[in-house]
Amino acid sequence: MPRGALLDGSVDLLERAGVDAAVLRDPGRRLALEAPDGTAFITTRPSDVATYVEAGAADVGIAGRDVLLEYGADVYELLDLRFGGCRMSYCTKAGPDPTPEAVERLGVVRVATKYPRAAHGYFAGVGRQVEVVKVNGSVELAALVGLATGIVDLVATGTTLRENGLVERDVIFESTARLIANRASYTLRAEEIDAMVASMRAVVDEGVGE
């Protein structure tokens, strides 16, 4: 289970699908929890969910599409859960786009990001050379102080961009939460996992229809 922005939505969906996930409502600092019915949960940062599922430490997990694309985990993607919507975007300072000038002057676009694979893929697709600067904090700062021409980052409401004088130049891809499964687990426990997927799909479809 992903800690942070996706956790509450994940718990709501699981409970509506008949999974006893109340223990996740207030996990505190506990990383491994067990529900009264014996269901075991692992909570970790979103970027690590797919790693735990791929390694078989968990049978199934909930992860953002951004994580799956960035880290390329070898897992089954079973269901688009249709919450946690955001987008991976290329952003720069507001005003005239500084990208063409950077290309003309330097022959390369310097980009700050937590998502190097997404950045490389985007610029390869538009036919421009890119130099990626990997950062782990607030990437907006890199564009503001001139460390990079722009940034590649997840955008939800766009409030942080606006407050820092940045704008989206291009949307690279859309992202929502996804239900994923370990490949071996899905083979060995297909009936149980398929039943879970069916229950969750019914809840997702009901929510879309509301």
C-alpha atoms as a PDB file:
ATOM      1  CA  MET A   1       0.000   0.000   0.000  1.00  0.00           C
ATOM      2  CA  PRO A   2       1.347   3.453  -0.894  1.00  0.00           C
ATOM      3  CA  ARG A   3       1.714   5.931   1.927  1.00  0.00           C
ATOM      4  CA  GLY A   4       0.867   9.528   1.139  1.00  0.00           C
ATOM      5  CA  ALA A   5      -1.646  10.910  -1.331  1.00  0.00           C
ATOM      6  CA  LEU A   6      -2.950   7.550  -2.582  1.00  0.00           C
ATOM      7  CA  LEU A   7      -3.488   5.866   0.787  1.00  0.00           C
ATOM      8  CA  ASP A   8      -6.918   7.216   1.726  1.00  0.00           C
ATOM      9  CA  GLY A   9      -8.348   6.546  -1.723  1.00  0.00           C
ATOM     10  CA  SER A  10      -6.879   3.046  -1.676  1.00  0.00           C
ATOM     11  CA  VAL A  11      -8.419   2.242   1.714  1.00  0.00           C
ATOM     12  CA  ASP A  12     -11.814   3.624   0.671  1.00  0.00           C
ATOM     13  CA  LEU A  13     -11.821   1.511  -2.476  1.00  0.00           C
ATOM     14  CA  LEU A  14     -10.711  -1.659  -0.701  1.00  0.00           C
ATOM     15  CA  GLU A  15     -13.375  -1.318   1.974  1.00  0.00           C
ATOM     16  CA  ARG A  16     -16.108  -0.697  -0.581  1.00  0.00           C
ATOM     17  CA  ALA A  17     -14.888  -3.829  -2.364  1.00  0.00           C
ATOM     18  CA  GLY A  18     -15.278  -5.885   0.814  1.00  0.00           C
ATOM     19  CA  VAL A  19     -11.658  -5.935   2.006  1.00  0.00           C
ATOM     20  CA  ASP A  20     -11.139  -5.273   5.725  1.00  0.00           C
ATOM     21  CA  ALA A  21      -8.630  -2.423   5.504  1.00  0.00           C
ATOM     22  CA  ALA A  22      -9.658  -0.433   8.600  1.00  0.00           C
ATOM     23  CA  VAL A  23      -6.260  -1.096  10.183  1.00  0.00           C
ATOM     24  CA  LEU A  24      -4.793   1.243   7.568  1.00  0.00           C
ATOM     25  CA  ARG A  25      -6.884   4.197   8.724  1.00  0.00           C
ATOM     26  CA  ASP A  26      -4.359   5.046  11.427  1.00  0.00           C
ATOM     27  CA  PRO A  27      -1.173   3.061  10.799  1.00  0.00           C
ATOM     28  CA  GLY A  28       1.051   5.430  12.760  1.00  0.00           C
ATOM     29  CA  ARG A  29       4.664   4.435  12.184  1.00  0.00           C
ATOM     30  CA  ARG A  30       3.834   0.774  11.664  1.00  0.00           C
ATOM     31  CA  LEU A  31       4.960  -0.489   8.269  1.00  0.00           C
ATOM     32  CA  ALA A  32       3.493  -4.006   8.418  1.00  0.00           C
ATOM     33  CA  LEU A  33      -0.060  -4.466   9.687  1.00  0.00           C
ATOM     34  CA  GLU A  34      -2.588  -7.278   9.908  1.00  0.00           C
ATOM     35  CA  ALA A  35      -6.375  -7.040   9.694  1.00  0.00           C
ATOM     36  CA  PRO A  36      -8.611  -9.130  12.009  1.00  0.00           C
ATOM     37  CA  ASP A  37      -9.340 -11.508   9.128  1.00  0.00           C
ATOM     38  CA  GLY A  38      -5.617 -12.222   8.682  1.00  0.00           C
ATOM     39  CA  THR A  39      -5.035 -10.020   5.644  1.00  0.00           C
ATOM     40  CA  ALA A  40      -1.493  -8.663   5.850  1.00  0.00           C
ATOM     41  CA  PHE A  41      -0.638  -5.167   4.617  1.00  0.00           C
ATOM     42  CA  ILE A  42       2.707  -3.503   3.922  1.00  0.00           C
ATOM     43  CA  THR A  43       2.846   0.287   3.766  1.00  0.00           C
ATOM     44  CA  THR A  44       5.717   1.985   1.985  1.00  0.00           C
ATOM     45  CA  ARG A  45       6.508   5.038  -0.071  1.00  0.00           C
ATOM     46  CA  PRO A  46       4.728   5.013  -3.455  1.00  0.00           C
ATOM     47  CA  SER A  47       7.917   4.548  -5.481  1.00  0.00           C
ATOM     48  CA  ASP A  48       8.658   1.271  -3.667  1.00  0.00           C
ATOM     49  CA  VAL A  49       5.270  -0.456  -4.014  1.00  0.00           C
ATOM     50  CA  ALA A  50       6.022  -2.008  -7.398  1.00  0.00           C
ATOM     51  CA  THR A  51       9.425  -3.186  -6.132  1.00  0.00           C
ATOM     52  CA  TYR A  52       7.862  -5.119  -3.247  1.00  0.00           C
ATOM     53  CA  VAL A  53       5.233  -6.646  -5.519  1.00  0.00           C
ATOM     54  CA  GLU A  54       7.760  -7.581  -8.211  1.00  0.00           C
ATOM     55  CA  ALA A  55       9.980  -9.248  -5.596  1.00  0.00           C
ATOM     56  CA  GLY A  56       7.078 -11.270  -4.180  1.00  0.00           C
ATOM     57  CA  ALA A  57       7.040  -9.595  -0.767  1.00  0.00           C
ATOM     58  CA  ALA A  58       3.423  -8.736  -1.579  1.00  0.00           C
ATOM     59  CA  ASP A  59       0.950 -10.533  -3.839  1.00  0.00           C
ATOM     60  CA  VAL A  60      -0.835  -7.377  -4.967  1.00  0.00           C
ATOM     61  CA  GLY A  61      -0.364  -3.649  -4.555  1.00  0.00           C
ATOM     62  CA  ILE A  62      -1.650  -0.238  -5.554  1.00  0.00           C
ATOM     63  CA  ALA A  63       0.740   2.046  -7.423  1.00  0.00           C
ATOM     64  CA  GLY A  64       0.499   5.094  -9.650  1.00  0.00           C
ATOM     65  CA  ARG A  65       0.983   4.649 -13.373  1.00  0.00           C
ATOM     66  CA  ASP A  66       3.857   7.136 -13.080  1.00  0.00           C
ATOM     67  CA  VAL A  67       5.726   4.701 -10.811  1.00  0.00           C
ATOM     68  CA  LEU A  68       5.115   1.759 -13.140  1.00  0.00           C
ATOM     69  CA  LEU A  69       6.384   3.657 -16.172  1.00  0.00           C
ATOM     70  CA  GLU A  70       9.381   5.202 -14.397  1.00  0.00           C
ATOM     71  CA  TYR A  71      10.705   2.052 -12.733  1.00  0.00           C
ATOM     72  CA  GLY A  72       9.580  -0.530 -15.290  1.00  0.00           C
ATOM     73  CA  ALA A  73       8.651  -3.168 -12.696  1.00  0.00           C
ATOM     74  CA  ASP A  74       7.877  -6.624 -14.097  1.00  0.00           C
ATOM     75  CA  VAL A  75       4.368  -6.985 -12.674  1.00  0.00           C
ATOM     76  CA  TYR A  76       0.857  -7.547 -13.970  1.00  0.00           C
ATOM     77  CA  GLU A  77      -1.233  -4.387 -14.238  1.00  0.00           C
ATOM     78  CA  LEU A  78      -4.728  -5.630 -13.442  1.00  0.00           C
ATOM     79  CA  LEU A  79      -6.999  -2.614 -13.151  1.00  0.00           C
ATOM     80  CA  ASP A  80      -7.120   1.152 -13.600  1.00  0.00           C
ATOM     81  CA  LEU A  81      -8.580   2.321 -10.283  1.00  0.00           C
ATOM     82  CA  ARG A  82      -9.419   5.768 -11.694  1.00  0.00           C
ATOM     83  CA  PHE A  83      -8.431   7.858  -8.692  1.00  0.00           C
ATOM     84  CA  GLY A  84      -5.283   9.771  -7.813  1.00  0.00           C
ATOM     85  CA  GLY A  85      -5.351  11.444 -11.194  1.00  0.00           C
ATOM     86  CA  CYS A  86      -2.346  13.570 -12.154  1.00  0.00           C
ATOM     87  CA  ARG A  87      -0.098  14.101 -15.152  1.00  0.00           C
ATOM     88  CA  MET A  88       3.597  14.029 -15.915  1.00  0.00           C
ATOM     89  CA  SER A  89       4.463  17.344 -17.537  1.00  0.00           C
ATOM     90  CA  TYR A  90       7.344  19.372 -18.896  1.00  0.00           C
ATOM     91  CA  CYS A  91       7.284  22.801 -17.255  1.00  0.00           C
ATOM     92  CA  THR A  92       9.310  26.010 -17.456  1.00  0.00           C
ATOM     93  CA  LYS A  93       9.140  29.582 -16.200  1.00  0.00           C
ATOM     94  CA  ALA A  94       6.080  31.496 -17.385  1.00  0.00           C
ATOM     95  CA  GLY A  95       6.460  33.788 -20.385  1.00  0.00           C
ATOM     96  CA  PRO A  96       8.176  32.903 -23.663  1.00  0.00           C
ATOM     97  CA  ASP A  97       9.231  29.263 -23.767  1.00  0.00           C
ATOM     98  CA  PRO A  98      12.994  29.189 -22.992  1.00  0.00           C
ATOM     99  CA  THR A  99      13.429  25.736 -24.542  1.00  0.00           C
ATOM    100  CA  PRO A 100      14.167  26.771 -28.171  1.00  0.00           C
ATOM    101  CA  GLU A 101      16.793  29.290 -26.994  1.00  0.00           C
ATOM    102  CA  ALA A 102      18.459  26.649 -24.830  1.00  0.00           C
ATOM    103  CA  VAL A 103      18.622  24.268 -27.768  1.00  0.00           C
ATOM    104  CA  GLU A 104      20.036  26.944 -30.064  1.00  0.00           C
ATOM    105  CA  ARG A 105      22.580  28.197 -27.527  1.00  0.00           C
ATOM    106  CA  LEU A 106      23.674  24.939 -25.900  1.00  0.00           C
ATOM    107  CA  GLY A 107      22.446  22.236 -28.251  1.00  0.00           C
ATOM    108  CA  VAL A 108      20.796  20.543 -25.294  1.00  0.00           C
ATOM    109  CA  VAL A 109      17.957  21.110 -22.831  1.00  0.00           C
ATOM    110  CA  ARG A 110      18.922  20.785 -19.165  1.00  0.00           C
ATOM    111  CA  VAL A 111      16.014  19.395 -17.170  1.00  0.00           C
ATOM    112  CA  ALA A 112      15.650  18.783 -13.444  1.00  0.00           C
ATOM    113  CA  THR A 113      13.439  15.885 -12.378  1.00  0.00           C
ATOM    114  CA  LYS A 114      12.771  12.983 -10.036  1.00  0.00           C
ATOM    115  CA  TYR A 115      11.770  10.992 -13.119  1.00  0.00           C
ATOM    116  CA  PRO A 116      14.780  10.600 -15.452  1.00  0.00           C
ATOM    117  CA  ARG A 117      13.197   7.832 -17.538  1.00  0.00           C
ATOM    118  CA  ALA A 118      10.152   9.971 -18.270  1.00  0.00           C
ATOM    119  CA  ALA A 119      12.347  12.959 -19.131  1.00  0.00           C
ATOM    120  CA  HIS A 120      14.612  11.001 -21.480  1.00  0.00           C
ATOM    121  CA  GLY A 121      11.619   9.374 -23.161  1.00  0.00           C
ATOM    122  CA  TYR A 122       9.839  12.672 -23.718  1.00  0.00           C
ATOM    123  CA  PHE A 123      12.793  14.510 -25.229  1.00  0.00           C
ATOM    124  CA  ALA A 124      13.723  11.530 -27.399  1.00  0.00           C
ATOM    125  CA  GLY A 125      10.168  11.634 -28.699  1.00  0.00           C
ATOM    126  CA  VAL A 126      10.376  15.310 -29.660  1.00  0.00           C
ATOM    127  CA  GLY A 127      13.865  14.921 -31.139  1.00  0.00           C
ATOM    128  CA  ARG A 128      15.818  17.091 -28.700  1.00  0.00           C
ATOM    129  CA  GLN A 129      18.976  16.332 -26.741  1.00  0.00           C
ATOM    130  CA  VAL A 130      18.474  16.451 -22.993  1.00  0.00           C
ATOM    131  CA  GLU A 131      20.767  16.651 -19.988  1.00  0.00           C
ATOM    132  CA  VAL A 132      18.929  15.346 -16.924  1.00  0.00           C
ATOM    133  CA  VAL A 133      19.736  16.635 -13.447  1.00  0.00           C
ATOM    134  CA  LYS A 134      18.339  14.232 -10.837  1.00  0.00           C
ATOM    135  CA  VAL A 135      16.872  16.014  -7.817  1.00  0.00           C
ATOM    136  CA  ASN A 136      14.921  14.674  -4.866  1.00  0.00           C
ATOM    137  CA  GLY A 137      13.429  17.802  -3.356  1.00  0.00           C
ATOM    138  CA  SER A 138      11.299  20.588  -4.809  1.00  0.00           C
ATOM    139  CA  VAL A 139      12.161  20.471  -8.491  1.00  0.00           C
ATOM    140  CA  GLU A 140      10.495  23.835  -9.157  1.00  0.00           C
ATOM    141  CA  LEU A 141      13.489  25.537  -7.552  1.00  0.00           C
ATOM    142  CA  ALA A 142      15.812  24.251 -10.264  1.00  0.00           C
ATOM    143  CA  ALA A 143      13.972  26.212 -12.941  1.00  0.00           C
ATOM    144  CA  LEU A 144      13.658  29.322 -10.761  1.00  0.00           C
ATOM    145  CA  VAL A 145      17.392  29.651 -10.012  1.00  0.00           C
ATOM    146  CA  GLY A 146      18.617  28.668 -13.473  1.00  0.00           C
ATOM    147  CA  LEU A 147      19.929  25.206 -12.632  1.00  0.00           C
ATOM    148  CA  ALA A 148      17.750  23.865 -15.428  1.00  0.00           C
ATOM    149  CA  THR A 149      15.789  25.180 -18.379  1.00  0.00           C
ATOM    150  CA  GLY A 150      12.729  23.317 -17.162  1.00  0.00           C
ATOM    151  CA  ILE A 151      11.468  20.467 -15.054  1.00  0.00           C
ATOM    152  CA  VAL A 152       9.650  17.192 -15.612  1.00  0.00           C
ATOM    153  CA  ASP A 153       7.325  16.488 -12.717  1.00  0.00           C
ATOM    154  CA  LEU A 154       3.916  15.255 -11.644  1.00  0.00           C
ATOM    155  CA  VAL A 155       1.179  17.885 -11.711  1.00  0.00           C
ATOM    156  CA  ALA A 156      -2.206  17.518 -10.050  1.00  0.00           C
ATOM    157  CA  THR A 157      -3.873  20.902  -9.534  1.00  0.00           C
ATOM    158  CA  GLY A 158      -1.004  23.050 -10.824  1.00  0.00           C
ATOM    159  CA  THR A 159      -1.128  25.268  -7.734  1.00  0.00           C
ATOM    160  CA  THR A 160       2.567  24.811  -6.857  1.00  0.00           C
ATOM    161  CA  LEU A 161       3.555  25.692 -10.415  1.00  0.00           C
ATOM    162  CA  ARG A 162       1.450  28.855 -10.444  1.00  0.00           C
ATOM    163  CA  GLU A 163       2.698  29.983  -7.038  1.00  0.00           C
ATOM    164  CA  ASN A 164       6.285  29.677  -8.300  1.00  0.00           C
ATOM    165  CA  GLY A 165       5.736  31.343 -11.669  1.00  0.00           C
ATOM    166  CA  LEU A 166       5.966  28.157 -13.742  1.00  0.00           C
ATOM    167  CA  VAL A 167       3.705  26.844 -16.505  1.00  0.00           C
ATOM    168  CA  GLU A 168       3.149  23.501 -18.192  1.00  0.00           C
ATOM    169  CA  ARG A 169       4.552  23.348 -21.718  1.00  0.00           C
ATOM    170  CA  ASP A 170       3.562  19.784 -22.558  1.00  0.00           C
ATOM    171  CA  VAL A 171       1.771  16.852 -20.922  1.00  0.00           C
ATOM    172  CA  ILE A 172       3.887  13.709 -21.251  1.00  0.00           C
ATOM    173  CA  PHE A 173       1.313  11.227 -19.947  1.00  0.00           C
ATOM    174  CA  GLU A 174      -1.685  10.956 -17.627  1.00  0.00           C
ATOM    175  CA  SER A 175      -1.463   8.883 -14.456  1.00  0.00           C
ATOM    176  CA  THR A 176      -3.959   7.220 -12.102  1.00  0.00           C
ATOM    177  CA  ALA A 177      -3.687   4.548  -9.419  1.00  0.00           C
ATOM    178  CA  ARG A 178      -3.417   0.965 -10.696  1.00  0.00           C
ATOM    179  CA  LEU A 179      -3.908  -2.446  -9.075  1.00  0.00           C
ATOM    180  CA  ILE A 180      -0.857  -4.613  -9.770  1.00  0.00           C
ATOM    181  CA  ALA A 181       0.075  -8.216  -8.990  1.00  0.00           C
ATOM    182  CA  ASN A 182       3.186 -10.321  -8.650  1.00  0.00           C
ATOM    183  CA  ARG A 183       3.425 -12.636 -11.668  1.00  0.00           C
ATOM    184  CA  ALA A 184       3.979 -15.836  -9.658  1.00  0.00           C
ATOM    185  CA  SER A 185       1.273 -14.926  -7.148  1.00  0.00           C
ATOM    186  CA  TYR A 186      -1.218 -14.360  -9.931  1.00  0.00           C
ATOM    187  CA  THR A 187      -0.509 -17.839 -11.276  1.00  0.00           C
ATOM    188  CA  LEU A 188      -0.735 -19.537  -7.879  1.00  0.00           C
ATOM    189  CA  ARG A 189      -3.642 -17.524  -6.478  1.00  0.00           C
ATOM    190  CA  ALA A 190      -5.489 -16.603  -9.656  1.00  0.00           C
ATOM    191  CA  GLU A 191      -8.947 -17.391  -8.306  1.00  0.00           C
ATOM    192  CA  GLU A 192      -8.541 -15.218  -5.207  1.00  0.00           C
ATOM    193  CA  ILE A 193      -6.959 -12.350  -7.098  1.00  0.00           C
ATOM    194  CA  ASP A 194      -9.538 -12.481  -9.901  1.00  0.00           C
ATOM    195  CA  ALA A 195     -12.313 -12.304  -7.299  1.00  0.00           C
ATOM    196  CA  MET A 196     -10.664  -9.261  -5.747  1.00  0.00           C
ATOM    197  CA  VAL A 197     -10.288  -7.621  -9.154  1.00  0.00           C
ATOM    198  CA  ALA A 198     -13.951  -8.260  -9.962  1.00  0.00           C
ATOM    199  CA  SER A 199     -15.081  -6.682  -6.681  1.00  0.00           C
ATOM    200  CA  MET A 200     -12.852  -3.656  -7.160  1.00  0.00           C
ATOM    201  CA  ARG A 201     -13.894  -3.253 -10.795  1.00  0.00           C
ATOM    202  CA  ALA A 202     -17.540  -3.174  -9.738  1.00  0.00           C
ATOM    203  CA  VAL A 203     -16.793  -0.404  -7.256  1.00  0.00           C
ATOM    204  CA  VAL A 204     -14.732   1.552  -9.809  1.00  0.00           C
ATOM    205  CA  ASP A 205     -17.424   1.238 -12.487  1.00  0.00           C
ATOM    206  CA  GLU A 206     -20.097   2.284  -9.982  1.00  0.00           C
ATOM    207  CA  GLY A 207     -18.091   5.362  -9.088  1.00  0.00           C
ATOM    208  CA  VAL A 208     -17.604   6.325 -12.745  1.00  0.00           C
ATOM    209  CA  GLY A 209     -21.342   6.028 -13.317  1.00  0.00           C
ATOM    210  CA  GLU A 210     -22.291   8.274 -10.397  1.00  0.00           C
END
